N, C-alpha and C. Protein backbone atom coordinates (compact mmCIF):
# COMPACT_ATOMS: atom_id res chain seq x y z
N MET A 1 87.36 -39.11 -124.18
CA MET A 1 88.82 -38.99 -125.05
C MET A 1 90.07 -38.48 -124.03
N THR A 2 90.54 -39.58 -124.05
CA THR A 2 92.05 -39.01 -123.39
C THR A 2 92.97 -38.62 -124.00
N ASP A 3 93.31 -38.62 -125.54
CA ASP A 3 94.18 -37.65 -126.07
C ASP A 3 94.22 -36.65 -126.59
N PHE A 4 94.71 -35.47 -126.79
CA PHE A 4 94.24 -34.59 -127.01
C PHE A 4 96.27 -34.00 -126.87
N ASP A 5 95.91 -32.69 -127.73
CA ASP A 5 96.72 -32.42 -128.09
C ASP A 5 97.14 -30.54 -128.00
N ALA A 6 98.41 -29.90 -128.34
CA ALA A 6 97.67 -29.26 -128.46
C ALA A 6 96.88 -27.71 -129.13
N SER A 7 96.57 -28.35 -130.07
CA SER A 7 95.61 -27.60 -131.25
C SER A 7 94.16 -28.11 -130.56
N ASP A 8 94.13 -29.29 -129.87
CA ASP A 8 92.43 -29.48 -129.17
C ASP A 8 92.47 -28.46 -128.02
N ILE A 9 93.53 -28.26 -127.82
CA ILE A 9 93.83 -27.25 -126.03
C ILE A 9 93.42 -25.99 -126.88
N ALA A 10 93.48 -25.50 -127.88
CA ALA A 10 93.06 -24.16 -128.71
C ALA A 10 92.25 -24.04 -129.15
N ALA A 11 91.56 -25.19 -129.45
CA ALA A 11 90.35 -24.91 -129.97
C ALA A 11 89.19 -25.32 -128.91
N MET A 12 89.19 -26.14 -127.63
CA MET A 12 88.70 -25.59 -126.80
C MET A 12 88.29 -24.09 -126.11
N ARG A 13 89.78 -23.77 -125.78
CA ARG A 13 90.10 -22.59 -125.03
C ARG A 13 89.35 -21.42 -125.67
N LYS A 14 89.37 -21.24 -127.87
CA LYS A 14 88.21 -20.61 -128.03
C LYS A 14 86.93 -21.13 -127.99
N GLU A 15 86.70 -21.89 -128.01
CA GLU A 15 85.24 -22.24 -127.52
C GLU A 15 84.42 -22.28 -126.49
N GLY A 16 85.35 -22.03 -125.39
CA GLY A 16 84.86 -21.88 -124.14
C GLY A 16 84.94 -23.22 -123.57
N ASP A 17 85.19 -24.33 -123.45
CA ASP A 17 85.53 -25.34 -123.86
C ASP A 17 86.44 -26.68 -122.29
N LEU A 18 87.08 -25.62 -122.30
CA LEU A 18 88.60 -26.13 -121.54
C LEU A 18 88.10 -26.09 -120.01
N SER A 19 87.65 -25.75 -119.78
CA SER A 19 87.50 -25.82 -117.82
C SER A 19 85.90 -26.19 -117.78
N GLY A 20 85.34 -26.83 -118.67
CA GLY A 20 84.48 -27.89 -118.40
C GLY A 20 85.40 -29.88 -118.58
N PHE A 21 86.07 -29.62 -119.99
CA PHE A 21 87.11 -30.15 -120.14
C PHE A 21 87.76 -31.19 -118.91
N LEU A 22 88.54 -29.64 -118.40
CA LEU A 22 89.34 -30.44 -117.53
C LEU A 22 88.75 -30.52 -116.44
N ARG A 23 87.66 -29.78 -115.84
CA ARG A 23 87.16 -31.23 -114.87
C ARG A 23 86.20 -32.49 -114.93
N GLY A 24 86.13 -32.37 -116.02
CA GLY A 24 85.78 -33.13 -116.52
C GLY A 24 86.66 -34.49 -116.29
N GLN A 25 88.08 -34.40 -116.68
CA GLN A 25 89.24 -35.17 -116.85
C GLN A 25 89.46 -35.45 -114.84
N LEU A 26 89.73 -34.20 -114.42
CA LEU A 26 89.61 -34.40 -112.90
C LEU A 26 88.75 -35.11 -112.20
N ARG A 27 87.53 -35.60 -112.52
CA ARG A 27 86.06 -36.30 -112.17
C ARG A 27 86.63 -37.57 -112.71
N ALA A 28 86.91 -37.94 -113.13
CA ALA A 28 87.92 -39.46 -114.58
C ALA A 28 88.58 -39.56 -113.44
N GLY A 29 89.11 -39.36 -113.30
CA GLY A 29 90.64 -39.42 -112.40
C GLY A 29 90.74 -39.81 -111.47
N ARG A 30 89.59 -39.24 -110.48
CA ARG A 30 88.80 -39.27 -108.78
C ARG A 30 88.42 -40.68 -108.47
N ALA A 31 87.48 -40.68 -110.18
CA ALA A 31 86.77 -41.64 -109.87
C ALA A 31 87.53 -43.05 -110.08
N GLY A 32 88.56 -43.12 -111.23
CA GLY A 32 89.32 -44.32 -111.41
C GLY A 32 89.62 -45.46 -110.11
N LYS A 33 90.16 -44.25 -108.76
CA LYS A 33 90.72 -44.07 -107.98
C LYS A 33 90.37 -45.38 -106.85
N THR A 34 91.06 -46.69 -106.45
CA THR A 34 90.15 -47.38 -105.80
C THR A 34 90.67 -47.42 -104.63
N VAL A 35 89.95 -47.73 -103.14
CA VAL A 35 90.28 -47.88 -102.05
C VAL A 35 90.84 -48.85 -101.35
N PRO A 36 92.29 -48.89 -101.40
CA PRO A 36 92.71 -50.06 -101.10
C PRO A 36 91.85 -50.79 -99.83
N PRO A 37 91.78 -52.75 -100.22
CA PRO A 37 91.22 -53.48 -98.95
C PRO A 37 92.14 -53.31 -97.61
N ALA A 38 91.20 -53.64 -96.72
CA ALA A 38 91.65 -53.30 -95.71
C ALA A 38 92.03 -54.59 -95.05
N PRO A 39 93.33 -54.09 -94.55
CA PRO A 39 94.29 -55.78 -93.78
C PRO A 39 93.15 -56.30 -93.11
N PRO A 40 93.56 -57.73 -93.06
CA PRO A 40 92.97 -58.50 -92.55
C PRO A 40 93.41 -58.78 -90.97
N PRO A 41 92.27 -58.69 -90.04
CA PRO A 41 92.16 -58.89 -88.08
C PRO A 41 93.61 -59.28 -87.77
N LYS A 42 94.18 -59.07 -87.01
CA LYS A 42 94.89 -60.13 -86.91
C LYS A 42 94.75 -61.03 -85.24
N PRO A 43 95.26 -62.08 -85.18
CA PRO A 43 94.83 -63.03 -84.63
C PRO A 43 95.13 -62.65 -83.36
N PRO A 44 93.80 -63.33 -82.95
CA PRO A 44 94.31 -62.84 -80.95
C PRO A 44 95.15 -63.35 -80.30
N GLY A 45 95.52 -62.93 -79.46
CA GLY A 45 96.91 -62.85 -78.28
C GLY A 45 98.27 -61.86 -79.64
N TYR A 46 98.18 -61.40 -80.40
CA TYR A 46 99.05 -61.01 -81.23
C TYR A 46 99.94 -59.83 -80.63
N ARG A 47 101.00 -59.89 -80.55
CA ARG A 47 101.40 -58.92 -80.07
C ARG A 47 103.09 -58.71 -80.78
N PRO A 48 103.10 -57.46 -81.59
CA PRO A 48 103.72 -56.73 -82.60
C PRO A 48 105.33 -56.74 -82.22
N GLY A 49 106.29 -57.08 -83.17
CA GLY A 49 107.08 -57.70 -82.57
C GLY A 49 107.74 -58.92 -81.46
N ALA A 50 106.98 -59.47 -81.49
CA ALA A 50 107.32 -60.67 -80.56
C ALA A 50 106.96 -61.95 -81.90
N TRP A 51 107.46 -62.96 -80.68
CA TRP A 51 107.18 -64.39 -81.39
C TRP A 51 106.04 -64.69 -81.44
N PRO A 52 105.21 -65.22 -81.84
CA PRO A 52 104.34 -65.93 -81.81
C PRO A 52 104.05 -66.22 -79.90
N THR A 53 102.61 -66.67 -79.75
CA THR A 53 102.84 -67.20 -78.60
C THR A 53 103.09 -68.40 -78.51
N GLY A 54 103.52 -69.89 -78.03
CA GLY A 54 103.88 -70.11 -77.60
C GLY A 54 105.17 -71.08 -78.77
N THR A 55 105.85 -69.83 -78.64
CA THR A 55 106.70 -70.14 -79.94
C THR A 55 108.00 -69.53 -78.71
N HIS A 56 109.16 -69.82 -79.63
CA HIS A 56 110.27 -69.34 -79.02
C HIS A 56 111.38 -68.95 -80.08
N PRO A 57 112.83 -68.88 -80.00
CA PRO A 57 113.62 -68.42 -80.77
C PRO A 57 114.70 -69.67 -81.14
N PRO A 58 115.44 -70.14 -81.62
CA PRO A 58 115.93 -71.62 -82.53
C PRO A 58 117.11 -71.60 -80.74
N GLU A 59 116.97 -72.79 -80.38
CA GLU A 59 117.69 -73.30 -79.57
C GLU A 59 119.28 -74.39 -79.93
N PRO A 60 119.45 -74.88 -79.91
CA PRO A 60 120.79 -73.74 -78.40
C PRO A 60 121.34 -72.58 -79.24
N ARG A 61 121.62 -71.70 -78.51
CA ARG A 61 121.96 -70.06 -79.31
C ARG A 61 123.18 -70.01 -79.65
N PRO A 62 123.58 -69.17 -80.06
CA PRO A 62 125.16 -69.72 -80.89
C PRO A 62 126.62 -69.13 -79.35
N THR A 63 127.10 -70.09 -79.24
CA THR A 63 128.00 -69.03 -78.22
C THR A 63 129.51 -68.84 -78.80
N ARG A 64 129.31 -67.50 -78.12
CA ARG A 64 130.25 -66.45 -78.36
C ARG A 64 131.49 -66.71 -78.02
N HIS A 65 133.03 -66.95 -78.76
CA HIS A 65 134.04 -66.97 -78.35
C HIS A 65 134.65 -66.43 -78.23
N THR A 66 135.58 -66.19 -76.63
CA THR A 66 136.27 -65.04 -76.97
C THR A 66 137.89 -65.01 -77.58
N ALA A 67 138.44 -63.66 -77.47
CA ALA A 67 140.13 -63.75 -78.17
C ALA A 67 140.57 -64.70 -77.54
N ALA A 68 141.15 -64.76 -76.41
CA ALA A 68 141.08 -66.53 -75.28
C ALA A 68 140.95 -67.45 -75.89
N ASP A 69 140.20 -67.94 -76.29
CA ASP A 69 139.12 -68.99 -76.92
C ASP A 69 140.11 -69.29 -78.10
N TRP A 70 140.28 -68.22 -79.27
CA TRP A 70 140.79 -68.20 -80.72
C TRP A 70 142.21 -68.39 -80.18
N ARG A 71 143.01 -67.50 -79.27
CA ARG A 71 144.70 -67.96 -79.22
C ARG A 71 144.48 -69.23 -79.12
N LEU A 72 143.79 -69.95 -77.63
CA LEU A 72 144.16 -71.19 -77.54
C LEU A 72 144.03 -72.18 -78.92
N ALA A 73 142.58 -72.43 -79.27
CA ALA A 73 142.49 -73.46 -80.79
C ALA A 73 144.00 -73.34 -81.38
N ILE A 74 144.50 -71.54 -81.89
CA ILE A 74 145.61 -71.90 -82.76
C ILE A 74 146.91 -71.87 -82.16
N ASP A 75 147.24 -71.66 -81.41
CA ASP A 75 148.34 -72.88 -80.39
C ASP A 75 147.90 -73.54 -80.78
N ARG A 76 146.80 -74.39 -80.39
CA ARG A 76 146.80 -76.35 -80.37
C ARG A 76 147.29 -76.19 -81.50
N TYR A 77 146.02 -75.77 -82.86
CA TYR A 77 146.65 -75.81 -84.25
C TYR A 77 148.20 -76.09 -84.27
N ARG A 78 148.71 -75.13 -83.75
CA ARG A 78 150.11 -74.74 -84.46
C ARG A 78 151.01 -75.68 -84.21
N GLN A 79 150.70 -76.10 -82.77
CA GLN A 79 151.39 -77.01 -82.00
C GLN A 79 151.01 -78.53 -82.36
N GLY A 80 150.60 -78.88 -82.83
CA GLY A 80 150.12 -80.29 -83.64
C GLY A 80 148.68 -81.08 -83.20
N HIS A 81 148.49 -80.16 -81.75
CA HIS A 81 147.77 -80.88 -81.29
C HIS A 81 146.26 -80.98 -82.09
N ASP A 82 145.29 -82.26 -81.99
CA ASP A 82 144.17 -82.35 -82.67
C ASP A 82 144.33 -82.44 -84.29
N ASN A 83 145.81 -82.11 -84.79
CA ASN A 83 145.77 -82.17 -86.15
C ASN A 83 146.07 -83.52 -86.53
N ASP A 84 146.15 -84.63 -86.15
CA ASP A 84 146.69 -85.83 -86.68
C ASP A 84 144.40 -86.75 -86.55
N PRO A 85 144.90 -87.27 -87.68
CA PRO A 85 143.44 -88.22 -88.52
C PRO A 85 142.40 -88.81 -86.94
N CYS A 86 143.62 -89.74 -86.65
CA CYS A 86 143.51 -90.88 -85.24
C CYS A 86 142.99 -90.42 -84.36
N HIS A 87 144.04 -88.84 -83.76
CA HIS A 87 144.24 -88.50 -82.36
C HIS A 87 145.36 -89.65 -81.31
N CYS A 88 145.55 -90.79 -81.87
CA CYS A 88 146.25 -91.56 -81.11
C CYS A 88 147.72 -90.36 -80.76
N GLY A 89 148.74 -89.78 -81.52
CA GLY A 89 149.31 -88.98 -81.62
C GLY A 89 150.65 -89.46 -82.32
N ASN A 90 150.78 -90.73 -82.90
CA ASN A 90 152.02 -91.45 -83.11
C ASN A 90 151.58 -91.20 -85.19
N CYS A 91 150.80 -90.20 -85.15
CA CYS A 91 150.39 -90.16 -86.79
C CYS A 91 151.17 -88.85 -87.28
């Protein structure tokens, strides 16, 4: 019996069966719970938060350009260097 309404509650209270009914509902709820399975064991040599043994971050690491590098590149672009398709200087 999972569906009940106010009239059912009133009838159980009148007959004195309400506390038994509620205890049965609690027992059924506890019995329905399942324990989650344990996580699989960690592999040998596992280090949390580290790269797996024998591996490393991708190479090469990106280089960081400084503000001076960007200014130089913009100046070269504005002057026309490296803008011509063949780099001969005549285009």
